[in-house]
Amino acid sequence: GGSFRSQSSTYTTYGVSQGGYSIVDLMTGYNVNKKLKVQANLNNVFDKHYYQSISNPAGANIFGDPRNVAVTMKWSM
């Protein structure tokens, strides 16, 4: 599975702006048995550099996460 997120251009009253961007995430999972599931996530597949939040030129802008991988295991009792 996966997800696709897209944001149009963003502007603030302080003159800070950012063009539109899109982020693609992928995931896969496997049921090892009835109790154990393993899942792998690849986030920001194309390593897009973007601000998750922008506010002012003084630096209160928050970068979005770079490409990253997460592996989880879920054990059901």
C-alpha atoms as a PDB file:
ATOM      1  CA  GLY A   1       0.000   0.000   0.000  1.00  0.00           C
ATOM      2  CA  GLY A   2       0.962   3.599   0.206  1.00  0.00           C
ATOM      3  CA  SER A   3      -0.110   7.204   0.354  1.00  0.00           C
ATOM      4  CA  PHE A   4       0.173  10.346  -1.737  1.00  0.00           C
ATOM      5  CA  ARG A   5       0.026  13.794  -0.128  1.00  0.00           C
ATOM      6  CA  SER A   6       0.074  17.027  -2.055  1.00  0.00           C
ATOM      7  CA  GLN A   7       0.186  20.672  -0.943  1.00  0.00           C
ATOM      8  CA  SER A   8      -0.347  23.686  -3.176  1.00  0.00           C
ATOM      9  CA  SER A   9       1.778  26.828  -2.832  1.00  0.00           C
ATOM     10  CA  THR A  10       1.856  28.308   0.672  1.00  0.00           C
ATOM     11  CA  TYR A  11       2.269  31.969   1.624  1.00  0.00           C
ATOM     12  CA  THR A  12       2.427  33.878   4.917  1.00  0.00           C
ATOM     13  CA  THR A  13       1.769  37.499   5.824  1.00  0.00           C
ATOM     14  CA  TYR A  14       5.528  37.824   6.513  1.00  0.00           C
ATOM     15  CA  GLY A  15       6.410  37.224   2.868  1.00  0.00           C
ATOM     16  CA  VAL A  16       7.619  33.652   3.337  1.00  0.00           C
ATOM     17  CA  SER A  17       6.423  31.324   0.596  1.00  0.00           C
ATOM     18  CA  GLN A  18       6.848  27.781  -0.618  1.00  0.00           C
ATOM     19  CA  GLY A  19       5.890  26.220  -3.930  1.00  0.00           C
ATOM     20  CA  GLY A  20       3.622  23.204  -4.085  1.00  0.00           C
ATOM     21  CA  TYR A  21       4.973  19.728  -3.385  1.00  0.00           C
ATOM     22  CA  SER A  22       3.897  16.082  -3.264  1.00  0.00           C
ATOM     23  CA  ILE A  23       5.061  13.301  -0.957  1.00  0.00           C
ATOM     24  CA  VAL A  24       4.829   9.559  -1.675  1.00  0.00           C
ATOM     25  CA  ASP A  25       4.973   6.911   1.077  1.00  0.00           C
ATOM     26  CA  LEU A  26       4.994   3.123   0.557  1.00  0.00           C
ATOM     27  CA  MET A  27       4.330   0.240   2.921  1.00  0.00           C
ATOM     28  CA  THR A  28       4.151  -3.513   2.907  1.00  0.00           C
ATOM     29  CA  GLY A  29       3.243  -6.015   5.583  1.00  0.00           C
ATOM     30  CA  TYR A  30       3.471  -9.737   6.158  1.00  0.00           C
ATOM     31  CA  ASN A  31       1.611 -11.959   8.601  1.00  0.00           C
ATOM     32  CA  VAL A  32       4.314 -14.318   9.850  1.00  0.00           C
ATOM     33  CA  ASN A  33       1.701 -16.340  11.726  1.00  0.00           C
ATOM     34  CA  LYS A  34      -1.641 -15.728  13.498  1.00  0.00           C
ATOM     35  CA  LYS A  35       0.022 -13.649  16.207  1.00  0.00           C
ATOM     36  CA  LEU A  36       2.940 -11.868  14.520  1.00  0.00           C
ATOM     37  CA  LYS A  37       2.749  -9.223  11.795  1.00  0.00           C
ATOM     38  CA  VAL A  38       5.797  -7.434  10.341  1.00  0.00           C
ATOM     39  CA  GLN A  39       5.434  -4.148   8.466  1.00  0.00           C
ATOM     40  CA  ALA A  40       7.940  -1.964   6.586  1.00  0.00           C
ATOM     41  CA  ASN A  41       7.333   1.674   5.662  1.00  0.00           C
ATOM     42  CA  LEU A  42       9.355   3.815   3.245  1.00  0.00           C
ATOM     43  CA  ASN A  43       8.395   7.445   3.835  1.00  0.00           C
ATOM     44  CA  ASN A  44       9.097  10.360   1.468  1.00  0.00           C
ATOM     45  CA  VAL A  45      10.218   7.944  -1.263  1.00  0.00           C
ATOM     46  CA  PHE A  46      11.698  10.657  -3.524  1.00  0.00           C
ATOM     47  CA  ASP A  47      13.379  12.507  -0.616  1.00  0.00           C
ATOM     48  CA  LYS A  48      11.506  15.751  -1.316  1.00  0.00           C
ATOM     49  CA  HIS A  49      12.850  18.732   0.671  1.00  0.00           C
ATOM     50  CA  TYR A  50       9.991  20.887   1.949  1.00  0.00           C
ATOM     51  CA  TYR A  51       8.723  22.857   4.908  1.00  0.00           C
ATOM     52  CA  GLN A  52       6.012  21.088   6.869  1.00  0.00           C
ATOM     53  CA  SER A  53       5.096  24.447   8.390  1.00  0.00           C
ATOM     54  CA  ILE A  54       6.156  27.983   7.485  1.00  0.00           C
ATOM     55  CA  SER A  55       5.549  31.138   9.489  1.00  0.00           C
ATOM     56  CA  ASN A  56       8.197  33.882   9.388  1.00  0.00           C
ATOM     57  CA  PRO A  57      11.669  34.753   8.057  1.00  0.00           C
ATOM     58  CA  ALA A  58      13.220  34.509  11.550  1.00  0.00           C
ATOM     59  CA  GLY A  59      13.459  30.736  11.265  1.00  0.00           C
ATOM     60  CA  ALA A  60      10.298  29.364  12.881  1.00  0.00           C
ATOM     61  CA  ASN A  61       9.814  27.152   9.834  1.00  0.00           C
ATOM     62  CA  ILE A  62       9.655  23.379  10.313  1.00  0.00           C
ATOM     63  CA  PHE A  63      11.270  21.064   7.761  1.00  0.00           C
ATOM     64  CA  GLY A  64       9.373  17.964   6.682  1.00  0.00           C
ATOM     65  CA  ASP A  65      10.910  14.566   7.363  1.00  0.00           C
ATOM     66  CA  PRO A  66      13.531  13.350   4.876  1.00  0.00           C
ATOM     67  CA  ARG A  67      13.325   9.877   3.343  1.00  0.00           C
ATOM     68  CA  ASN A  68      13.237   7.307   6.129  1.00  0.00           C
ATOM     69  CA  VAL A  69      12.468   3.649   6.742  1.00  0.00           C
ATOM     70  CA  ALA A  70      10.541   2.158   9.643  1.00  0.00           C
ATOM     71  CA  VAL A  71      10.071  -1.528  10.432  1.00  0.00           C
ATOM     72  CA  THR A  72       7.500  -2.595  13.004  1.00  0.00           C
ATOM     73  CA  MET A  73       6.433  -5.898  14.492  1.00  0.00           C
ATOM     74  CA  LYS A  74       3.029  -6.423  16.097  1.00  0.00           C
ATOM     75  CA  TRP A  75       2.411  -9.347  18.418  1.00  0.00           C
ATOM     76  CA  SER A  76      -1.228 -10.100  19.247  1.00  0.00           C
ATOM     77  CA  MET A  77      -1.985 -11.923  22.475  1.00  0.00           C
END
